[in-house]
Amino acid sequence: MASWSLLTKHARVLLCIARNPNVRLRDIAAALEITERSAYSIVGDLADEGYVTKEKEGRRNRYVVQRNRVLPEPAIEARSVGEIIDVFLETKARPRRTA
């Protein structure tokens, strides 16, 4: 893994959940190369702040991203979580820019 990341761990966890609402904490941890304890803590932070809600499905949790929540980032000018997720998880292929 690189020594730094453009996105915070919280943003990366949010993207994992947006990709797969049924993702397990174990899978988030493995995908992001963090501990399960860190994944649990980050998901808890996101839930506490209202960016993610947890729904119990049998013995597992299903996570729902609250796409209308505004990000607490002054530099992003009141963009919603959904708008940012759409940028990172865009399904249409975009032409790549070359330097």
N, C-alpha and C. Protein backbone atom coordinates (compact mmCIF):
# COMPACT_ATOMS: atom_id res chain seq x y z
N MET A 1 0.85 -1.18 0.00
CA MET A 1 0.00 0.00 0.00
C MET A 1 0.89 1.24 0.00
N ALA A 2 0.40 2.29 -0.66
CA ALA A 2 1.16 3.54 -0.72
C ALA A 2 1.28 4.14 0.68
N SER A 3 2.25 5.03 0.85
CA SER A 3 2.47 5.63 2.16
C SER A 3 1.40 6.67 2.51
N TRP A 4 0.59 7.09 1.52
CA TRP A 4 -0.48 8.03 1.80
C TRP A 4 -1.61 7.77 0.82
N SER A 5 -2.76 8.33 1.13
CA SER A 5 -3.94 8.15 0.28
C SER A 5 -4.64 9.49 0.12
N LEU A 6 -5.15 9.74 -1.05
CA LEU A 6 -5.89 10.97 -1.29
C LEU A 6 -7.17 11.01 -0.47
N LEU A 7 -7.79 9.84 -0.28
CA LEU A 7 -9.04 9.76 0.48
C LEU A 7 -8.76 9.28 1.90
N THR A 8 -9.51 9.79 2.85
CA THR A 8 -9.38 9.32 4.22
C THR A 8 -9.90 7.90 4.34
N LYS A 9 -9.59 7.25 5.43
CA LYS A 9 -10.12 5.90 5.67
C LYS A 9 -11.63 5.94 5.75
N HIS A 10 -12.16 6.99 6.33
CA HIS A 10 -13.62 7.12 6.44
C HIS A 10 -14.25 7.19 5.04
N ALA A 11 -13.66 7.95 4.15
CA ALA A 11 -14.19 8.06 2.79
C ALA A 11 -14.07 6.71 2.07
N ARG A 12 -12.97 6.03 2.26
CA ARG A 12 -12.77 4.74 1.60
C ARG A 12 -13.77 3.70 2.13
N VAL A 13 -14.05 3.71 3.43
CA VAL A 13 -15.05 2.80 3.99
C VAL A 13 -16.43 3.14 3.42
N LEU A 14 -16.75 4.42 3.35
CA LEU A 14 -18.03 4.84 2.80
C LEU A 14 -18.19 4.35 1.35
N LEU A 15 -17.14 4.42 0.58
CA LEU A 15 -17.20 3.93 -0.80
C LEU A 15 -17.39 2.42 -0.85
N CYS A 16 -16.74 1.69 0.04
CA CYS A 16 -16.94 0.23 0.12
C CYS A 16 -18.40 -0.09 0.40
N ILE A 17 -18.98 0.62 1.32
CA ILE A 17 -20.38 0.39 1.68
C ILE A 17 -21.29 0.78 0.51
N ALA A 18 -20.98 1.87 -0.17
CA ALA A 18 -21.80 2.30 -1.31
C ALA A 18 -21.76 1.25 -2.43
N ARG A 19 -20.61 0.62 -2.62
CA ARG A 19 -20.48 -0.43 -3.64
C ARG A 19 -21.29 -1.67 -3.28
N ASN A 20 -21.30 -2.01 -1.98
CA ASN A 20 -21.94 -3.24 -1.54
C ASN A 20 -22.52 -3.04 -0.14
N PRO A 21 -23.81 -2.72 -0.05
CA PRO A 21 -24.43 -2.48 1.26
C PRO A 21 -24.40 -3.70 2.18
N ASN A 22 -24.18 -4.87 1.65
CA ASN A 22 -24.13 -6.10 2.46
C ASN A 22 -22.71 -6.48 2.85
N VAL A 23 -21.76 -5.61 2.59
CA VAL A 23 -20.36 -5.92 2.87
C VAL A 23 -20.16 -6.17 4.37
N ARG A 24 -19.31 -7.14 4.68
CA ARG A 24 -19.00 -7.43 6.08
C ARG A 24 -17.81 -6.58 6.52
N LEU A 25 -17.73 -6.31 7.81
CA LEU A 25 -16.60 -5.55 8.34
C LEU A 25 -15.29 -6.24 7.99
N ARG A 26 -15.27 -7.55 8.03
CA ARG A 26 -14.08 -8.33 7.68
C ARG A 26 -13.65 -8.03 6.24
N ASP A 27 -14.62 -7.90 5.34
CA ASP A 27 -14.31 -7.63 3.94
C ASP A 27 -13.84 -6.19 3.73
N ILE A 28 -14.44 -5.26 4.48
CA ILE A 28 -13.97 -3.87 4.42
C ILE A 28 -12.52 -3.81 4.87
N ALA A 29 -12.23 -4.45 5.98
CA ALA A 29 -10.87 -4.45 6.52
C ALA A 29 -9.88 -5.02 5.52
N ALA A 30 -10.24 -6.14 4.91
CA ALA A 30 -9.34 -6.78 3.94
C ALA A 30 -9.12 -5.89 2.71
N ALA A 31 -10.20 -5.32 2.21
CA ALA A 31 -10.11 -4.48 1.01
C ALA A 31 -9.26 -3.24 1.23
N LEU A 32 -9.35 -2.67 2.43
CA LEU A 32 -8.64 -1.42 2.70
C LEU A 32 -7.34 -1.61 3.46
N GLU A 33 -7.02 -2.88 3.75
CA GLU A 33 -5.80 -3.21 4.47
C GLU A 33 -5.75 -2.50 5.83
N ILE A 34 -6.86 -2.61 6.56
CA ILE A 34 -6.94 -2.10 7.92
C ILE A 34 -7.42 -3.24 8.81
N THR A 35 -7.39 -3.04 10.10
CA THR A 35 -7.86 -4.08 11.01
C THR A 35 -9.39 -4.08 11.05
N GLU A 36 -9.96 -5.22 11.45
CA GLU A 36 -11.41 -5.28 11.62
C GLU A 36 -11.86 -4.29 12.69
N ARG A 37 -11.04 -4.14 13.71
CA ARG A 37 -11.37 -3.19 14.78
C ARG A 37 -11.45 -1.76 14.22
N SER A 38 -10.53 -1.41 13.32
CA SER A 38 -10.57 -0.09 12.69
C SER A 38 -11.81 0.05 11.82
N ALA A 39 -12.13 -0.98 11.06
CA ALA A 39 -13.33 -0.96 10.21
C ALA A 39 -14.57 -0.76 11.07
N TYR A 40 -14.64 -1.48 12.18
CA TYR A 40 -15.78 -1.37 13.11
C TYR A 40 -15.88 0.06 13.64
N SER A 41 -14.76 0.62 14.03
CA SER A 41 -14.74 1.97 14.58
C SER A 41 -15.16 3.01 13.54
N ILE A 42 -14.66 2.87 12.33
CA ILE A 42 -14.97 3.83 11.27
C ILE A 42 -16.45 3.74 10.88
N VAL A 43 -16.98 2.53 10.74
CA VAL A 43 -18.40 2.37 10.44
C VAL A 43 -19.23 2.96 11.58
N GLY A 44 -18.78 2.77 12.79
CA GLY A 44 -19.46 3.37 13.94
C GLY A 44 -19.46 4.89 13.88
N ASP A 45 -18.31 5.46 13.52
CA ASP A 45 -18.23 6.92 13.36
C ASP A 45 -19.22 7.41 12.30
N LEU A 46 -19.23 6.73 11.15
CA LEU A 46 -20.13 7.12 10.06
C LEU A 46 -21.59 6.99 10.48
N ALA A 47 -21.90 5.95 11.24
CA ALA A 47 -23.28 5.75 11.72
C ALA A 47 -23.64 6.81 12.76
N ASP A 48 -22.72 7.09 13.68
CA ASP A 48 -22.98 8.10 14.72
C ASP A 48 -23.26 9.48 14.13
N GLU A 49 -22.59 9.79 13.03
CA GLU A 49 -22.76 11.10 12.39
C GLU A 49 -23.90 11.11 11.37
N GLY A 50 -24.55 9.97 11.16
CA GLY A 50 -25.71 9.91 10.28
C GLY A 50 -25.41 9.71 8.81
N TYR A 51 -24.19 9.37 8.47
CA TYR A 51 -23.84 9.14 7.06
C TYR A 51 -24.18 7.73 6.61
N VAL A 52 -24.31 6.82 7.56
CA VAL A 52 -24.66 5.43 7.28
C VAL A 52 -25.65 4.98 8.35
N THR A 53 -26.63 4.21 7.93
CA THR A 53 -27.50 3.56 8.91
C THR A 53 -27.30 2.06 8.79
N LYS A 54 -27.48 1.38 9.90
CA LYS A 54 -27.35 -0.08 9.94
C LYS A 54 -28.73 -0.69 10.04
N GLU A 55 -28.98 -1.70 9.22
CA GLU A 55 -30.23 -2.45 9.29
C GLU A 55 -29.87 -3.91 9.51
N LYS A 56 -30.49 -4.52 10.48
CA LYS A 56 -30.22 -5.92 10.78
C LYS A 56 -30.97 -6.80 9.79
N GLU A 57 -30.26 -7.72 9.14
CA GLU A 57 -30.86 -8.72 8.24
C GLU A 57 -30.40 -10.07 8.72
N GLY A 58 -31.22 -10.72 9.51
CA GLY A 58 -30.82 -11.99 10.11
C GLY A 58 -29.70 -11.74 11.09
N ARG A 59 -28.60 -12.45 10.88
CA ARG A 59 -27.44 -12.27 11.76
C ARG A 59 -26.46 -11.23 11.24
N ARG A 60 -26.72 -10.67 10.09
CA ARG A 60 -25.80 -9.72 9.48
C ARG A 60 -26.38 -8.32 9.45
N ASN A 61 -25.51 -7.36 9.24
CA ASN A 61 -25.93 -5.97 9.07
C ASN A 61 -25.95 -5.63 7.59
N ARG A 62 -26.86 -4.77 7.24
CA ARG A 62 -26.89 -4.17 5.91
C ARG A 62 -26.73 -2.68 6.17
N TYR A 63 -25.90 -2.04 5.40
CA TYR A 63 -25.62 -0.62 5.62
C TYR A 63 -26.27 0.20 4.51
N VAL A 64 -26.81 1.33 4.88
CA VAL A 64 -27.44 2.22 3.91
C VAL A 64 -26.76 3.57 4.01
N VAL A 65 -26.18 4.01 2.90
CA VAL A 65 -25.54 5.32 2.85
C VAL A 65 -26.63 6.37 2.73
N GLN A 66 -26.56 7.36 3.57
CA GLN A 66 -27.52 8.47 3.54
C GLN A 66 -27.02 9.50 2.53
N ARG A 67 -27.39 9.28 1.29
CA ARG A 67 -26.86 10.03 0.15
C ARG A 67 -27.16 11.53 0.20
N ASN A 68 -28.21 11.94 0.91
CA ASN A 68 -28.57 13.36 0.95
C ASN A 68 -27.82 14.16 2.00
N ARG A 69 -27.08 13.48 2.85
CA ARG A 69 -26.30 14.20 3.89
C ARG A 69 -25.25 15.07 3.22
N VAL A 70 -25.10 16.27 3.74
CA VAL A 70 -24.09 17.19 3.22
C VAL A 70 -22.76 16.88 3.91
N LEU A 71 -21.70 16.88 3.13
CA LEU A 71 -20.38 16.62 3.69
C LEU A 71 -19.90 17.80 4.52
N PRO A 72 -19.19 17.52 5.61
CA PRO A 72 -18.69 18.60 6.46
C PRO A 72 -17.35 19.15 5.96
N GLU A 73 -17.30 19.47 4.69
CA GLU A 73 -16.06 19.94 4.06
C GLU A 73 -16.28 21.33 3.49
N PRO A 74 -15.70 22.36 4.10
CA PRO A 74 -15.91 23.71 3.59
C PRO A 74 -15.39 23.90 2.16
N ALA A 75 -14.38 23.16 1.77
CA ALA A 75 -13.80 23.33 0.43
C ALA A 75 -14.67 22.71 -0.66
N ILE A 76 -15.68 21.92 -0.30
CA ILE A 76 -16.48 21.22 -1.31
C ILE A 76 -17.83 21.91 -1.54
N GLU A 77 -18.09 23.00 -0.91
CA GLU A 77 -19.28 23.81 -1.14
C GLU A 77 -20.59 23.03 -1.06
N ALA A 78 -20.89 22.46 0.09
CA ALA A 78 -22.16 21.82 0.40
C ALA A 78 -22.57 20.73 -0.58
N ARG A 79 -21.65 19.88 -0.94
CA ARG A 79 -21.97 18.72 -1.79
C ARG A 79 -22.51 17.60 -0.92
N SER A 80 -23.41 16.83 -1.48
CA SER A 80 -23.97 15.71 -0.73
C SER A 80 -23.06 14.48 -0.86
N VAL A 81 -23.24 13.57 0.07
CA VAL A 81 -22.51 12.31 0.04
C VAL A 81 -22.77 11.61 -1.29
N GLY A 82 -24.01 11.60 -1.73
CA GLY A 82 -24.37 10.94 -2.98
C GLY A 82 -23.64 11.50 -4.19
N GLU A 83 -23.51 12.82 -4.24
CA GLU A 83 -22.80 13.44 -5.37
C GLU A 83 -21.34 12.99 -5.42
N ILE A 84 -20.72 12.93 -4.26
CA ILE A 84 -19.31 12.53 -4.21
C ILE A 84 -19.16 11.05 -4.55
N ILE A 85 -20.04 10.22 -4.01
CA ILE A 85 -20.00 8.78 -4.30
C ILE A 85 -20.16 8.55 -5.80
N ASP A 86 -21.08 9.29 -6.42
CA ASP A 86 -21.30 9.12 -7.85
C ASP A 86 -20.04 9.42 -8.66
N VAL A 87 -19.26 10.37 -8.23
CA VAL A 87 -18.01 10.69 -8.92
C VAL A 87 -17.04 9.50 -8.87
N PHE A 88 -16.93 8.88 -7.70
CA PHE A 88 -15.98 7.80 -7.53
C PHE A 88 -16.48 6.45 -8.04
N LEU A 89 -17.78 6.27 -8.06
CA LEU A 89 -18.33 4.98 -8.48
C LEU A 89 -19.06 5.07 -9.81
N GLU A 90 -18.71 6.04 -10.60
CA GLU A 90 -19.35 6.23 -11.89
C GLU A 90 -19.23 4.96 -12.72
N THR A 91 -20.34 4.54 -13.30
CA THR A 91 -20.34 3.29 -14.05
C THR A 91 -20.00 3.49 -15.52
N LYS A 92 -20.25 4.66 -16.06
CA LYS A 92 -19.91 4.92 -17.45
C LYS A 92 -18.41 5.15 -17.57
N ALA A 93 -17.85 4.61 -18.61
CA ALA A 93 -16.41 4.81 -18.83
C ALA A 93 -16.18 6.24 -19.29
N ARG A 94 -15.26 6.91 -18.64
CA ARG A 94 -14.90 8.27 -19.01
C ARG A 94 -13.57 8.23 -19.73
N PRO A 95 -13.40 9.07 -20.72
CA PRO A 95 -12.08 9.09 -21.38
C PRO A 95 -11.01 9.53 -20.39
N ARG A 96 -9.90 8.85 -20.42
CA ARG A 96 -8.80 9.17 -19.51
C ARG A 96 -8.01 10.34 -20.08
N ARG A 97 -7.62 11.21 -19.18
CA ARG A 97 -6.76 12.33 -19.57
C ARG A 97 -5.32 11.87 -19.52
N THR A 98 -4.57 12.33 -20.45
CA THR A 98 -3.14 12.03 -20.44
C THR A 98 -2.39 13.32 -20.15
N ALA A 99 -1.28 13.18 -19.50
CA ALA A 99 -0.50 14.35 -19.11
C ALA A 99 0.23 14.96 -20.26
